[in-house]
N, C-alpha and C. Protein backbone atom coordinates (compact mmCIF):
# COMPACT_ATOMS: atom_id res chain seq x y z
N MET A 1 -11.71 -3.70 31.44
CA MET A 1 -11.15 -2.28 31.11
C MET A 1 -12.33 -1.30 30.98
N SER A 2 -11.90 -0.30 31.62
CA SER A 2 -12.75 0.88 31.61
C SER A 2 -12.15 2.06 31.06
N LEU A 3 -12.92 3.02 30.47
CA LEU A 3 -12.34 4.09 29.80
C LEU A 3 -12.83 5.39 30.51
N GLU A 4 -12.50 6.53 30.46
CA GLU A 4 -12.97 7.66 31.16
C GLU A 4 -13.44 8.37 30.00
N THR A 5 -14.22 8.34 28.77
CA THR A 5 -14.42 8.71 27.74
C THR A 5 -16.01 8.21 27.76
N SER A 6 -16.99 9.25 27.25
CA SER A 6 -18.31 9.09 26.91
C SER A 6 -18.04 8.06 25.66
N PRO A 7 -19.38 7.47 25.32
CA PRO A 7 -19.40 6.69 24.06
C PRO A 7 -19.66 7.80 23.07
N GLY A 8 -18.81 7.42 21.96
CA GLY A 8 -18.80 8.24 20.76
C GLY A 8 -17.77 9.30 20.86
N GLU A 9 -17.00 9.43 22.02
CA GLU A 9 -15.83 10.34 21.84
C GLU A 9 -14.77 9.94 21.51
N PRO A 10 -13.80 10.63 20.55
CA PRO A 10 -12.89 9.96 19.70
C PRO A 10 -11.79 9.75 20.98
N ILE A 11 -11.14 8.43 20.91
CA ILE A 11 -9.96 8.15 21.81
C ILE A 11 -8.51 8.16 21.27
N ASN A 12 -7.90 8.90 22.16
CA ASN A 12 -6.55 9.32 21.27
C ASN A 12 -5.63 8.13 21.60
N ASN A 13 -5.75 7.15 22.79
CA ASN A 13 -4.70 6.44 23.36
C ASN A 13 -5.09 4.74 22.56
N LEU A 14 -5.32 4.75 21.37
CA LEU A 14 -6.02 3.74 20.56
C LEU A 14 -5.48 2.28 20.63
N PRO A 15 -4.08 2.05 21.03
CA PRO A 15 -3.70 0.63 21.32
C PRO A 15 -3.92 0.19 22.50
N SER A 16 -4.06 1.34 23.85
CA SER A 16 -4.92 0.24 24.74
C SER A 16 -6.18 0.23 25.09
N ALA A 17 -6.74 1.16 23.88
CA ALA A 17 -8.21 0.97 23.97
C ALA A 17 -8.87 0.56 23.02
N LYS A 18 -8.11 -1.00 22.30
CA LYS A 18 -8.90 -1.22 21.51
C LYS A 18 -9.97 -1.73 21.63
N GLU A 19 -10.07 -2.66 23.10
CA GLU A 19 -11.60 -3.47 23.18
C GLU A 19 -12.53 -2.55 23.40
N GLU A 20 -12.42 -1.40 24.32
CA GLU A 20 -13.38 -0.64 24.32
C GLU A 20 -13.92 0.25 23.23
N ASN A 21 -12.80 0.44 21.88
CA ASN A 21 -13.22 1.12 20.91
C ASN A 21 -14.49 0.37 19.82
N ARG A 22 -14.74 -0.75 20.19
CA ARG A 22 -15.53 -1.68 19.67
C ARG A 22 -16.97 -0.79 19.47
N MET A 23 -17.59 -0.66 18.43
CA MET A 23 -19.03 -0.19 18.33
C MET A 23 -20.26 -1.27 17.80
N THR A 24 -20.89 -1.10 18.21
CA THR A 24 -21.93 -2.25 18.48
C THR A 24 -23.36 -1.42 17.93
N ASN A 25 -24.37 -2.18 17.47
CA ASN A 25 -25.43 -1.47 16.91
C ASN A 25 -26.22 -0.68 18.15
N ALA A 26 -25.83 -0.97 19.46
CA ALA A 26 -26.84 -0.66 20.76
C ALA A 26 -26.26 0.78 20.65
N GLN A 27 -24.94 0.95 20.29
CA GLN A 27 -24.21 2.13 21.07
C GLN A 27 -24.18 3.23 19.79
N SER A 28 -24.56 2.77 18.71
CA SER A 28 -24.17 3.95 17.35
C SER A 28 -25.08 3.68 16.30
N ALA A 29 -25.96 4.10 16.13
CA ALA A 29 -26.74 4.08 14.79
C ALA A 29 -25.68 4.60 13.39
N GLN A 30 -25.77 3.76 12.56
CA GLN A 30 -24.75 4.15 11.33
C GLN A 30 -25.46 3.90 10.18
N THR A 31 -25.58 4.85 9.09
CA THR A 31 -25.95 4.19 7.75
C THR A 31 -24.79 4.68 6.95
N ALA A 32 -24.93 4.34 5.72
CA ALA A 32 -23.75 4.16 4.99
C ALA A 32 -24.29 4.94 3.52
N ARG A 33 -23.51 5.43 2.93
CA ARG A 33 -24.15 6.13 1.84
C ARG A 33 -22.87 6.27 1.05
N ALA A 34 -23.26 5.54 -0.77
CA ALA A 34 -22.37 6.01 -1.72
C ALA A 34 -22.20 7.23 -2.00
N VAL A 35 -20.84 7.23 -2.80
CA VAL A 35 -20.92 9.05 -2.80
C VAL A 35 -21.67 9.37 -4.07
N GLY A 36 -22.42 10.34 -3.98
CA GLY A 36 -23.38 11.13 -5.09
C GLY A 36 -24.81 10.56 -4.78
N ALA A 37 -25.17 9.30 -3.73
CA ALA A 37 -26.17 8.56 -3.67
C ALA A 37 -27.14 9.52 -2.84
N SER A 38 -28.35 9.66 -3.28
CA SER A 38 -29.32 10.69 -2.18
C SER A 38 -29.73 9.82 -0.82
N LYS A 39 -30.32 8.81 -0.88
CA LYS A 39 -30.41 8.09 0.25
C LYS A 39 -29.70 6.97 0.76
N PRO A 40 -29.22 7.45 2.03
CA PRO A 40 -28.40 6.78 3.06
C PRO A 40 -29.12 5.05 2.87
N GLN A 41 -28.22 4.11 3.62
CA GLN A 41 -29.18 2.87 3.34
C GLN A 41 -28.22 2.53 4.72
N VAL A 42 -28.98 1.40 5.61
CA VAL A 42 -28.45 0.96 6.67
C VAL A 42 -27.04 0.20 6.41
N ALA A 43 -26.00 0.54 7.43
CA ALA A 43 -24.85 -0.39 7.21
C ALA A 43 -25.13 -1.65 7.13
N GLN A 44 -24.11 -2.41 6.36
CA GLN A 44 -23.94 -3.67 6.25
C GLN A 44 -23.19 -4.46 7.68
N THR A 45 -23.30 -4.97 8.54
CA THR A 45 -22.59 -5.69 9.43
C THR A 45 -22.02 -7.15 8.91
N GLN A 46 -21.56 -7.42 7.61
CA GLN A 46 -21.12 -8.53 7.15
C GLN A 46 -19.69 -8.97 7.50
N HIS A 47 -19.19 -7.65 7.75
CA HIS A 47 -17.88 -7.98 8.27
C HIS A 47 -17.75 -7.50 9.89
N ALA A 48 -16.57 -8.22 10.64
CA ALA A 48 -16.65 -8.04 11.80
C ALA A 48 -15.10 -7.21 12.31
N ALA A 49 -15.22 -6.33 11.38
CA ALA A 49 -14.17 -5.18 11.36
C ALA A 49 -13.98 -4.54 12.87
N GLU A 50 -12.76 -4.09 13.36
CA GLU A 50 -12.65 -3.38 14.64
C GLU A 50 -12.78 -2.01 14.24
N VAL A 51 -13.56 -1.49 14.87
CA VAL A 51 -14.03 0.15 14.26
C VAL A 51 -13.17 0.84 15.43
N LEU A 52 -12.11 1.76 14.70
CA LEU A 52 -10.99 2.62 15.46
C LEU A 52 -11.44 4.32 15.02
N LYS A 53 -12.01 4.68 16.39
CA LYS A 53 -12.38 6.43 15.75
C LYS A 53 -11.15 7.15 15.99
N VAL A 54 -10.84 8.26 15.01
CA VAL A 54 -9.80 8.83 14.84
C VAL A 54 -10.36 10.39 15.22
N SER A 55 -9.29 11.02 15.98
CA SER A 55 -9.71 12.58 16.11
C SER A 55 -8.73 13.36 15.59
N THR A 56 -8.72 14.66 15.59
CA THR A 56 -7.83 15.62 15.13
C THR A 56 -6.49 15.48 15.81
N ARG A 57 -6.86 14.81 17.16
CA ARG A 57 -5.66 14.99 18.04
C ARG A 57 -4.85 13.54 18.37
N SER A 58 -5.22 12.71 17.67
CA SER A 58 -4.92 11.45 17.36
C SER A 58 -3.82 11.29 16.76
N ARG A 59 -2.60 10.75 17.45
CA ARG A 59 -1.28 10.55 17.08
C ARG A 59 -1.33 9.37 16.00
N PRO A 60 -1.19 9.76 14.37
CA PRO A 60 -0.97 8.91 13.60
C PRO A 60 -0.41 7.48 13.83
N SER A 61 0.94 7.62 14.26
CA SER A 61 2.01 6.49 14.63
C SER A 61 0.73 5.51 15.51
N ALA A 62 0.07 6.19 16.60
CA ALA A 62 -0.37 5.30 17.28
C ALA A 62 -1.78 4.97 16.95
N VAL A 63 -2.23 5.24 15.75
CA VAL A 63 -3.49 4.60 15.15
C VAL A 63 -2.94 3.67 14.31
N ALA A 64 -1.66 4.05 13.75
CA ALA A 64 -1.33 3.05 12.41
C ALA A 64 -0.90 1.63 13.40
N GLY A 65 -0.29 1.67 14.46
CA GLY A 65 0.00 0.81 15.45
C GLY A 65 -1.36 -0.48 15.83
N ALA A 66 -2.48 0.40 16.33
CA ALA A 66 -3.64 -0.31 16.31
C ALA A 66 -3.97 -1.02 15.22
N ILE A 67 -3.98 0.00 14.13
CA ILE A 67 -4.75 -0.70 12.53
C ILE A 67 -3.94 -1.90 12.26
N ALA A 68 -2.38 -1.83 12.27
CA ALA A 68 -1.65 -3.03 11.97
C ALA A 68 -2.16 -4.07 13.19
N GLY A 69 -2.13 -3.79 14.41
CA GLY A 69 -2.64 -5.05 15.09
C GLY A 69 -3.94 -5.70 14.71
N VAL A 70 -4.83 -4.85 14.44
CA VAL A 70 -6.29 -5.48 14.26
C VAL A 70 -6.07 -6.29 12.82
N ILE A 71 -5.52 -5.47 12.10
CA ILE A 71 -5.22 -6.31 10.54
C ILE A 71 -4.57 -7.75 11.01
N ARG A 72 -3.89 -7.93 11.69
CA ARG A 72 -2.80 -9.08 11.95
C ARG A 72 -3.72 -9.95 12.64
N GLU A 73 -4.72 -9.40 13.52
CA GLU A 73 -5.59 -10.54 14.38
C GLU A 73 -6.77 -10.76 13.43
N ASN A 74 -7.44 -9.77 12.77
CA ASN A 74 -8.61 -9.76 12.03
C ASN A 74 -8.60 -9.68 10.64
N GLY A 75 -7.70 -9.41 10.09
CA GLY A 75 -7.81 -9.16 8.50
C GLY A 75 -8.25 -8.28 7.72
N MET A 76 -8.93 -7.34 8.65
CA MET A 76 -9.59 -6.20 8.36
C MET A 76 -10.06 -5.28 9.31
N ALA A 77 -10.05 -3.89 9.43
CA ALA A 77 -10.13 -2.76 10.42
C ALA A 77 -10.95 -1.92 9.91
N GLU A 78 -11.49 -1.06 10.44
CA GLU A 78 -12.40 0.12 10.01
C GLU A 78 -12.17 1.19 10.73
N VAL A 79 -11.67 2.63 10.35
CA VAL A 79 -11.38 3.73 11.11
C VAL A 79 -12.32 4.64 10.27
N GLN A 80 -13.12 5.24 11.70
CA GLN A 80 -13.98 6.39 11.38
C GLN A 80 -13.45 7.78 11.88
N SER A 81 -13.85 8.78 10.98
CA SER A 81 -13.36 10.04 11.29
C SER A 81 -14.36 11.10 10.71
N ILE A 82 -14.16 11.99 11.73
CA ILE A 82 -15.37 13.34 11.42
C ILE A 82 -14.55 14.50 11.16
N GLY A 83 -14.59 15.32 10.15
CA GLY A 83 -13.89 16.27 10.14
C GLY A 83 -12.44 16.35 9.16
N ALA A 84 -12.04 17.41 8.29
CA ALA A 84 -10.63 17.52 7.76
C ALA A 84 -9.80 16.94 8.65
N GLY A 85 -9.46 17.33 9.61
CA GLY A 85 -8.21 17.27 10.16
C GLY A 85 -8.35 15.99 11.08
N ALA A 86 -9.14 15.35 11.21
CA ALA A 86 -9.85 13.82 11.80
C ALA A 86 -9.29 13.13 10.83
N THR A 87 -9.77 13.25 9.58
CA THR A 87 -9.49 12.47 8.10
C THR A 87 -8.05 12.59 7.90
N ASN A 88 -7.51 13.58 7.81
CA ASN A 88 -6.22 13.65 7.71
C ASN A 88 -5.51 12.87 8.69
N GLN A 89 -5.55 12.90 9.93
CA GLN A 89 -4.87 12.07 10.65
C GLN A 89 -4.86 10.58 10.51
N ALA A 90 -5.90 10.30 9.89
CA ALA A 90 -6.56 8.74 9.59
C ALA A 90 -6.02 8.18 8.34
N ILE A 91 -5.79 9.00 7.21
CA ILE A 91 -5.17 8.80 6.03
C ILE A 91 -3.88 8.41 6.29
N LYS A 92 -2.82 9.44 7.07
CA LYS A 92 -1.50 9.13 7.57
C LYS A 92 -1.39 7.78 8.27
N ALA A 93 -2.34 7.68 9.05
CA ALA A 93 -2.34 6.52 9.84
C ALA A 93 -2.51 5.00 8.97
N VAL A 94 -3.14 5.10 8.01
CA VAL A 94 -3.14 4.00 6.96
C VAL A 94 -1.94 3.89 6.22
N ALA A 95 -1.37 5.06 5.90
CA ALA A 95 0.14 5.13 5.24
C ALA A 95 1.05 4.48 5.94
N ILE A 96 0.95 4.60 7.50
CA ILE A 96 1.94 4.11 8.21
C ILE A 96 1.63 3.05 8.46
N ALA A 97 0.84 2.17 8.69
CA ALA A 97 0.21 0.80 8.72
C ALA A 97 0.73 -0.08 7.82
N ARG A 98 0.34 0.61 6.78
CA ARG A 98 0.76 -0.20 5.55
C ARG A 98 2.21 -0.22 5.37
N SER A 99 3.38 0.56 5.63
CA SER A 99 4.50 0.27 6.01
C SER A 99 4.59 -0.80 7.15
N TYR A 100 4.30 -0.70 8.07
CA TYR A 100 4.39 -1.43 9.38
C TYR A 100 4.04 -3.00 8.62
N LEU A 101 2.99 -3.05 8.10
CA LEU A 101 2.59 -4.80 7.45
C LEU A 101 3.31 -4.79 6.41
N ASN A 102 4.16 -4.23 5.55
CA ASN A 102 4.60 -4.31 4.67
C ASN A 102 6.10 -4.97 4.81
N GLU A 103 6.40 -4.90 6.00
CA GLU A 103 7.70 -5.22 6.49
C GLU A 103 7.59 -6.83 6.86
N GLU A 104 6.15 -6.97 7.17
CA GLU A 104 6.04 -8.49 7.43
C GLU A 104 5.31 -9.44 5.92
N GLY A 105 4.99 -8.59 4.56
CA GLY A 105 4.63 -9.21 3.88
C GLY A 105 3.40 -9.37 3.50
N ILE A 106 2.81 -8.25 4.32
CA ILE A 106 1.11 -8.32 4.18
C ILE A 106 1.01 -6.93 3.79
N ASP A 107 -0.04 -6.96 2.47
CA ASP A 107 -0.21 -5.80 1.90
C ASP A 107 -1.71 -5.25 2.31
N ILE A 108 -2.08 -4.10 2.15
CA ILE A 108 -3.38 -3.79 2.54
C ILE A 108 -4.15 -2.95 1.70
N VAL A 109 -5.05 -2.82 1.46
CA VAL A 109 -5.90 -1.63 0.51
C VAL A 109 -7.00 -1.02 1.42
N CYS A 110 -7.34 0.34 1.15
CA CYS A 110 -8.36 1.12 1.91
C CYS A 110 -9.42 1.42 0.92
N ILE A 111 -10.56 1.45 1.58
CA ILE A 111 -11.89 1.68 0.61
C ILE A 111 -12.50 2.60 1.57
N PRO A 112 -12.61 3.57 1.16
CA PRO A 112 -13.43 4.92 2.05
C PRO A 112 -14.43 5.03 1.31
N SER A 113 -15.38 5.30 2.30
CA SER A 113 -17.02 5.66 2.01
C SER A 113 -17.61 6.69 2.99
N PHE A 114 -18.57 7.09 2.83
CA PHE A 114 -19.26 8.09 3.83
C PHE A 114 -20.32 7.19 4.47
N ILE A 115 -20.35 7.94 5.96
CA ILE A 115 -21.30 6.75 6.81
C ILE A 115 -21.86 7.89 7.85
N ASP A 116 -23.34 8.02 7.93
CA ASP A 116 -23.83 8.73 8.89
C ASP A 116 -23.93 8.04 10.24
N VAL A 117 -23.42 8.86 11.26
CA VAL A 117 -23.40 8.54 12.20
C VAL A 117 -24.10 9.32 13.32
N ALA A 118 -24.98 8.81 14.38
CA ALA A 118 -25.58 9.51 15.31
C ALA A 118 -24.91 9.49 16.22
N ILE A 119 -24.57 10.94 16.72
CA ILE A 119 -23.95 11.44 18.40
C ILE A 119 -24.83 12.31 18.85
N ASP A 120 -24.97 12.00 19.97
CA ASP A 120 -25.99 12.87 21.16
C ASP A 120 -26.95 12.83 20.48
N ASP A 121 -27.85 11.88 19.68
CA ASP A 121 -29.12 12.21 19.01
C ASP A 121 -28.88 13.03 17.43
N GLU A 122 -28.01 13.30 17.31
CA GLU A 122 -27.64 14.32 16.28
C GLU A 122 -26.92 13.76 15.20
N GLU A 123 -27.48 13.63 13.72
CA GLU A 123 -26.91 13.00 12.57
C GLU A 123 -25.50 14.12 12.15
N ARG A 124 -24.40 12.97 12.04
CA ARG A 124 -23.16 13.43 11.35
C ARG A 124 -22.55 12.51 10.15
N THR A 125 -22.07 13.27 9.37
CA THR A 125 -21.79 12.58 8.50
C THR A 125 -19.84 12.40 8.68
N ALA A 126 -19.69 10.94 8.36
CA ALA A 126 -18.37 10.46 8.99
C ALA A 126 -17.55 10.17 7.80
N ILE A 127 -16.40 9.77 7.65
CA ILE A 127 -15.55 8.96 6.67
C ILE A 127 -15.29 7.77 7.45
N ARG A 128 -15.75 6.57 6.43
CA ARG A 128 -15.34 5.37 7.28
C ARG A 128 -14.17 4.56 6.21
N LEU A 129 -13.27 4.05 6.57
CA LEU A 129 -12.16 3.67 5.73
C LEU A 129 -11.86 2.11 6.09
N LEU A 130 -12.67 1.51 5.33
CA LEU A 130 -12.61 0.00 5.61
C LEU A 130 -11.03 -0.52 4.81
N ILE A 131 -10.29 -1.28 5.97
CA ILE A 131 -9.22 -1.53 5.62
C ILE A 131 -9.01 -3.23 5.41
N GLU A 132 -8.44 -3.96 4.10
CA GLU A 132 -8.38 -5.40 4.45
C GLU A 132 -7.10 -5.54 4.05
N ARG A 133 -7.05 -6.80 3.93
CA ARG A 133 -5.62 -7.48 3.46
C ARG A 133 -6.03 -7.72 1.72
N ARG A 134 -5.01 -7.42 1.29
CA ARG A 134 -4.92 -7.23 -0.11
C ARG A 134 -4.77 -8.82 -0.74
């Protein structure tokens, strides 16, 4: 499959772009920072979570469907957003995904954190939502 977006650009049609939305260390340098911590640390890659990027224009129901599908498949998913509008859409998507999965008896938890992402050789702070089965 091929997308017509550049690496690092938010994808609005997440369910059909699931495979292309995976981020590898070669595509993006990331560092995680705990709230209040002064120094970022290299992000741990101990989980094989699917990374879903959300933009302000992303439809929460579409993102929720992608989150639910990834949770069903892998048991965990990672959502990244930059900016208030994108973070708002991401949080709404998590709430919708929870209701989708609740119908199947699956409960999820969301663990928020900050992450520094290199986009076009520029450091940006993003919100990372790690979503796991409870």
